[in-house]
PDB file of N, CA and C in Angstrom:
ATOM      1  N   UNK A   1      96.988 131.563 139.697  1.00  0.00           N
ATOM      2  CA  UNK A   1      97.941 132.138 140.628  1.00  0.00           C
ATOM      3  C   UNK A   1      99.369 131.964 140.102  1.00  0.00           C
ATOM      4  N   UNK A   2      99.696 130.819 139.555  1.00  0.00           N
ATOM      5  CA  UNK A   2     101.041 130.588 139.033  1.00  0.00           C
ATOM      6  C   UNK A   2     101.359 131.574 137.916  1.00  0.00           C
ATOM      7  N   UNK A   3     100.407 131.810 137.028  1.00  0.00           N
ATOM      8  CA  UNK A   3     100.624 132.741 135.924  1.00  0.00           C
ATOM      9  C   UNK A   3     100.823 134.155 136.429  1.00  0.00           C
ATOM     10  N   UNK A   4     100.077 134.543 137.438  1.00  0.00           N
ATOM     11  CA  UNK A   4     100.182 135.885 137.991  1.00  0.00           C
ATOM     12  C   UNK A   4     101.553 136.128 138.602  1.00  0.00           C
ATOM     13  N   UNK A   5     102.086 135.168 139.308  1.00  0.00           N
ATOM     14  CA  UNK A   5     103.374 135.347 139.989  1.00  0.00           C
ATOM     15  C   UNK A   5     104.569 135.309 139.045  1.00  0.00           C
ATOM     16  N   UNK A   6     104.539 134.414 138.072  1.00  0.00           N
ATOM     17  CA  UNK A   6     105.727 134.238 137.236  1.00  0.00           C
ATOM     18  C   UNK A   6     105.637 134.952 135.892  1.00  0.00           C
ATOM     19  N   UNK A   7     104.443 135.360 135.486  1.00  0.00           N
ATOM     20  CA  UNK A   7     104.302 135.994 134.191  1.00  0.00           C
ATOM     21  C   UNK A   7     104.286 135.005 133.048  1.00  0.00           C
ATOM     22  N   UNK A   8     104.305 133.717 133.337  1.00  0.00           N
ATOM     23  CA  UNK A   8     104.233 132.694 132.301  1.00  0.00           C
ATOM     24  C   UNK A   8     103.306 131.581 132.777  1.00  0.00           C
ATOM     25  N   UNK A   9     103.098 130.629 131.932  1.00  0.00           N
ATOM     26  CA  UNK A   9     102.220 129.519 132.309  1.00  0.00           C
ATOM     27  C   UNK A   9     103.031 128.413 132.974  1.00  0.00           C
ATOM     28  N   UNK A  10     102.356 127.611 133.738  1.00  0.00           N
ATOM     29  CA  UNK A  10     102.998 126.453 134.359  1.00  0.00           C
ATOM     30  C   UNK A  10     102.005 125.311 134.349  1.00  0.00           C
ATOM     31  N   UNK A  11     102.520 124.119 134.498  1.00  0.00           N
ATOM     32  CA  UNK A  11     101.674 122.925 134.548  1.00  0.00           C
ATOM     33  C   UNK A  11     101.453 122.546 136.007  1.00  0.00           C
ATOM     34  N   UNK A  12     100.245 122.126 136.324  1.00  0.00           N
ATOM     35  CA  UNK A  12      99.913 121.725 137.682  1.00  0.00           C
ATOM     36  C   UNK A  12      99.694 120.220 137.738  1.00  0.00           C
ATOM     37  N   UNK A  13     100.322 119.568 138.727  1.00  0.00           N
ATOM     38  CA  UNK A  13     100.174 118.124 138.915  1.00  0.00           C
ATOM     39  C   UNK A  13      99.562 117.860 140.272  1.00  0.00           C
ATOM     40  N   UNK A  14      98.623 116.931 140.318  1.00  0.00           N
ATOM     41  CA  UNK A  14      98.016 116.510 141.576  1.00  0.00           C
ATOM     42  C   UNK A  14      98.456 115.077 141.867  1.00  0.00           C
ATOM     43  N   UNK A  15      98.724 114.786 143.133  1.00  0.00           N
ATOM     44  CA  UNK A  15      99.081 113.426 143.525  1.00  0.00           C
ATOM     45  C   UNK A  15      98.707 113.216 144.984  1.00  0.00           C
ATOM     46  N   UNK A  16      98.586 111.974 145.373  1.00  0.00           N
ATOM     47  CA  UNK A  16      98.272 111.635 146.757  1.00  0.00           C
ATOM     48  C   UNK A  16      96.784 111.480 146.990  1.00  0.00           C
ATOM     49  N   UNK A  17      96.409 110.356 147.506  1.00  0.00           N
ATOM     50  CA  UNK A  17      95.015 109.981 147.801  1.00  0.00           C
ATOM     51  C   UNK A  17      94.090 110.170 146.611  1.00  0.00           C
ATOM     52  N   UNK A  18      94.617 109.971 145.415  1.00  0.00           N
ATOM     53  CA  UNK A  18      93.806 110.045 144.210  1.00  0.00           C
ATOM     54  C   UNK A  18      93.499 108.628 143.764  1.00  0.00           C
ATOM     55  N   UNK A  19      92.234 108.385 143.499  1.00  0.00           N
ATOM     56  CA  UNK A  19      91.827 107.064 143.023  1.00  0.00           C
ATOM     57  C   UNK A  19      91.212 107.206 141.639  1.00  0.00           C
ATOM     58  N   UNK A  20      90.991 106.081 140.994  1.00  0.00           N
ATOM     59  CA  UNK A  20      90.365 106.118 139.687  1.00  0.00           C
ATOM     60  C   UNK A  20      88.931 106.631 139.791  1.00  0.00           C
ATOM     61  N   UNK A  21      88.334 106.554 140.971  1.00  0.00           N
ATOM     62  CA  UNK A  21      86.977 107.063 141.180  1.00  0.00           C
ATOM     63  C   UNK A  21      86.938 108.590 141.291  1.00  0.00           C
ATOM     64  N   UNK A  22      88.024 109.219 141.757  1.00  0.00           N
ATOM     65  CA  UNK A  22      88.025 110.668 141.984  1.00  0.00           C
ATOM     66  C   UNK A  22      88.791 111.464 140.931  1.00  0.00           C
ATOM     67  N   UNK A  23      89.426 110.779 140.016  1.00  0.00           N
ATOM     68  CA  UNK A  23      90.293 111.473 139.061  1.00  0.00           C
ATOM     69  C   UNK A  23      89.510 112.449 138.169  1.00  0.00           C
ATOM     70  N   UNK A  24      88.265 112.122 137.821  1.00  0.00           N
ATOM     71  CA  UNK A  24      87.470 113.010 136.970  1.00  0.00           C
ATOM     72  C   UNK A  24      87.244 114.369 137.599  1.00  0.00           C
ATOM     73  N   UNK A  25      86.932 114.388 138.887  1.00  0.00           N
ATOM     74  CA  UNK A  25      86.714 115.664 139.583  1.00  0.00           C
ATOM     75  C   UNK A  25      87.990 116.488 139.657  1.00  0.00           C
ATOM     76  N   UNK A  26      89.114 115.823 139.822  1.00  0.00           N
ATOM     77  CA  UNK A  26      90.395 116.524 139.931  1.00  0.00           C
ATOM     78  C   UNK A  26      90.773 117.153 138.595  1.00  0.00           C
ATOM     79  N   UNK A  27      90.596 116.410 137.526  1.00  0.00           N
ATOM     80  CA  UNK A  27      90.905 116.940 136.195  1.00  0.00           C
ATOM     81  C   UNK A  27      89.961 118.098 135.856  1.00  0.00           C
ATOM     82  N   UNK A  28      88.709 117.985 136.262  1.00  0.00           N
ATOM     83  CA  UNK A  28      87.743 119.050 135.992  1.00  0.00           C
ATOM     84  C   UNK A  28      88.122 120.352 136.697  1.00  0.00           C
ATOM     85  N   UNK A  29      88.929 120.257 137.752  1.00  0.00           N
ATOM     86  CA  UNK A  29      89.351 121.449 138.487  1.00  0.00           C
ATOM     87  C   UNK A  29      90.475 122.198 137.775  1.00  0.00           C
ATOM     88  N   UNK A  30      90.986 121.654 136.659  1.00  0.00           N
ATOM     89  CA  UNK A  30      92.008 122.353 135.886  1.00  0.00           C
ATOM     90  C   UNK A  30      93.414 121.823 136.058  1.00  0.00           C
ATOM     91  N   UNK A  31      93.569 120.664 136.652  1.00  0.00           N
ATOM     92  CA  UNK A  31      94.895 120.061 136.832  1.00  0.00           C
ATOM     93  C   UNK A  31      95.370 119.506 135.487  1.00  0.00           C
ATOM     94  N   UNK A  32      96.655 119.684 135.177  1.00  0.00           N
ATOM     95  CA  UNK A  32      97.219 119.224 133.904  1.00  0.00           C
ATOM     96  C   UNK A  32      97.685 117.778 133.932  1.00  0.00           C
ATOM     97  N   UNK A  33      98.214 117.324 135.069  1.00  0.00           N
ATOM     98  CA  UNK A  33      98.742 115.967 135.179  1.00  0.00           C
ATOM     99  C   UNK A  33      98.344 115.386 136.523  1.00  0.00           C
ATOM    100  N   UNK A  34      98.088 114.075 136.543  1.00  0.00           N
ATOM    101  CA  UNK A  34      97.659 113.404 137.769  1.00  0.00           C
ATOM    102  C   UNK A  34      98.503 112.156 137.960  1.00  0.00           C
ATOM    103  N   UNK A  35      99.005 111.951 139.183  1.00  0.00           N
ATOM    104  CA  UNK A  35      99.713 110.727 139.538  1.00  0.00           C
ATOM    105  C   UNK A  35      98.750 109.833 140.296  1.00  0.00           C
ATOM    106  N   UNK A  36      98.532 108.630 139.765  1.00  0.00           N
ATOM    107  CA  UNK A  36      97.610 107.689 140.387  1.00  0.00           C
ATOM    108  C   UNK A  36      98.381 106.420 140.719  1.00  0.00           C
ATOM    109  N   UNK A  37      98.587 106.167 141.996  1.00  0.00           N
ATOM    110  CA  UNK A  37      99.328 104.991 142.422  1.00  0.00           C
ATOM    111  C   UNK A  37      98.646 103.693 142.069  1.00  0.00           C
ATOM    112  N   UNK A  38      97.331 103.691 141.914  1.00  0.00           N
ATOM    113  CA  UNK A  38      96.602 102.466 141.588  1.00  0.00           C
ATOM    114  C   UNK A  38      97.064 101.875 140.258  1.00  0.00           C
ATOM    115  N   UNK A  39      97.640 102.697 139.402  1.00  0.00           N
ATOM    116  CA  UNK A  39      98.114 102.197 138.115  1.00  0.00           C
ATOM    117  C   UNK A  39      99.413 101.403 138.240  1.00  0.00           C
ATOM    118  N   UNK A  40     100.211 101.672 139.270  1.00  0.00           N
ATOM    119  CA  UNK A  40     101.511 101.022 139.395  1.00  0.00           C
ATOM    120  C   UNK A  40     101.682 100.175 140.652  1.00  0.00           C
ATOM    121  N   UNK A  41     100.853 100.361 141.668  1.00  0.00           N
ATOM    122  CA  UNK A  41     101.069  99.679 142.938  1.00  0.00           C
ATOM    123  C   UNK A  41     100.431  98.298 143.020  1.00  0.00           C
ATOM    124  N   UNK A  42      99.371  98.046 142.282  1.00  0.00           N
ATOM    125  CA  UNK A  42      98.667  96.775 142.425  1.00  0.00           C
ATOM    126  C   UNK A  42      98.342  96.103 141.096  1.00  0.00           C
ATOM    127  N   UNK A  43      99.239  96.142 140.141  1.00  0.00           N
ATOM    128  CA  UNK A  43      98.907  95.489 138.871  1.00  0.00           C
ATOM    129  C   UNK A  43      98.997  93.965 139.005  1.00  0.00           C
ATOM    130  N   UNK A  44      98.230  93.269 138.193  1.00  0.00           N
ATOM    131  CA  UNK A  44      98.322  91.822 138.132  1.00  0.00           C
ATOM    132  C   UNK A  44      99.549  91.461 137.304  1.00  0.00           C
ATOM    133  N   UNK A  45     100.310  90.499 137.799  1.00  0.00           N
ATOM    134  CA  UNK A  45     101.529  90.098 137.093  1.00  0.00           C
ATOM    135  C   UNK A  45     101.187  89.379 135.798  1.00  0.00           C
ATOM    136  N   UNK A  46     101.996  89.587 134.790  1.00  0.00           N
ATOM    137  CA  UNK A  46     101.839  88.923 133.509  1.00  0.00           C
ATOM    138  C   UNK A  46     103.184  88.313 133.150  1.00  0.00           C
ATOM    139  N   UNK A  47     103.209  87.003 133.008  1.00  0.00           N
ATOM    140  CA  UNK A  47     104.451  86.286 132.717  1.00  0.00           C
ATOM    141  C   UNK A  47     104.590  86.143 131.209  1.00  0.00           C
ATOM    142  N   UNK A  48     105.564  86.831 130.643  1.00  0.00           N
ATOM    143  CA  UNK A  48     105.802  86.793 129.196  1.00  0.00           C
ATOM    144  C   UNK A  48     107.258  86.406 128.950  1.00  0.00           C
ATOM    145  N   UNK A  49     107.466  85.538 127.991  1.00  0.00           N
ATOM    146  CA  UNK A  49     108.842  85.204 127.638  1.00  0.00           C
ATOM    147  C   UNK A  49     109.034  85.431 126.130  1.00  0.00           C
ATOM    148  N   UNK A  50     110.273  85.617 125.753  1.00  0.00           N
ATOM    149  CA  UNK A  50     110.613  85.820 124.346  1.00  0.00           C
ATOM    150  C   UNK A  50     111.691  84.808 123.995  1.00  0.00           C
ATOM    151  N   UNK A  51     111.341  83.857 123.162  1.00  0.00           N
ATOM    152  CA  UNK A  51     112.300  82.844 122.742  1.00  0.00           C
ATOM    153  C   UNK A  51     112.891  83.261 121.401  1.00  0.00           C
ATOM    154  N   UNK A  52     114.197  83.339 121.356  1.00  0.00           N
ATOM    155  CA  UNK A  52     114.888  83.749 120.136  1.00  0.00           C
ATOM    156  C   UNK A  52     115.732  82.592 119.652  1.00  0.00           C
ATOM    157  N   UNK A  53     115.587  82.259 118.382  1.00  0.00           N
ATOM    158  CA  UNK A  53     116.396  81.193 117.793  1.00  0.00           C
ATOM    159  C   UNK A  53     117.206  81.780 116.646  1.00  0.00           C
ATOM    160  N   UNK A  54     118.404  81.247 116.422  1.00  0.00           N
ATOM    161  CA  UNK A  54     119.241  81.761 115.335  1.00  0.00           C
ATOM    162  C   UNK A  54     118.590  81.498 113.970  1.00  0.00           C
ATOM    163  N   UNK A  55     118.811  82.406 113.044  1.00  0.00           N
ATOM    164  CA  UNK A  55     118.314  82.216 111.679  1.00  0.00           C
ATOM    165  C   UNK A  55     119.060  81.054 111.032  1.00  0.00           C
ATOM    166  N   UNK A  56     118.377  80.279 110.174  1.00  0.00           N
ATOM    167  CA  UNK A  56     119.057  79.131 109.513  1.00  0.00           C
ATOM    168  C   UNK A  56     120.144  79.561 108.554  1.00  0.00           C
TER     169      UNK A  56
END
């Protein structure tokens, strides 16, 4: 439908109520990009530090 209206191609993004369990079906429907909140909303924290010392 997007191609028909504009005469060019467009990218389609799906978001909202998408889980890692349902993403395969959504991509199979022809969606180009998917926003999945599970990737950013509930990550486990990782404590990393970087110690820098002057060169001798």
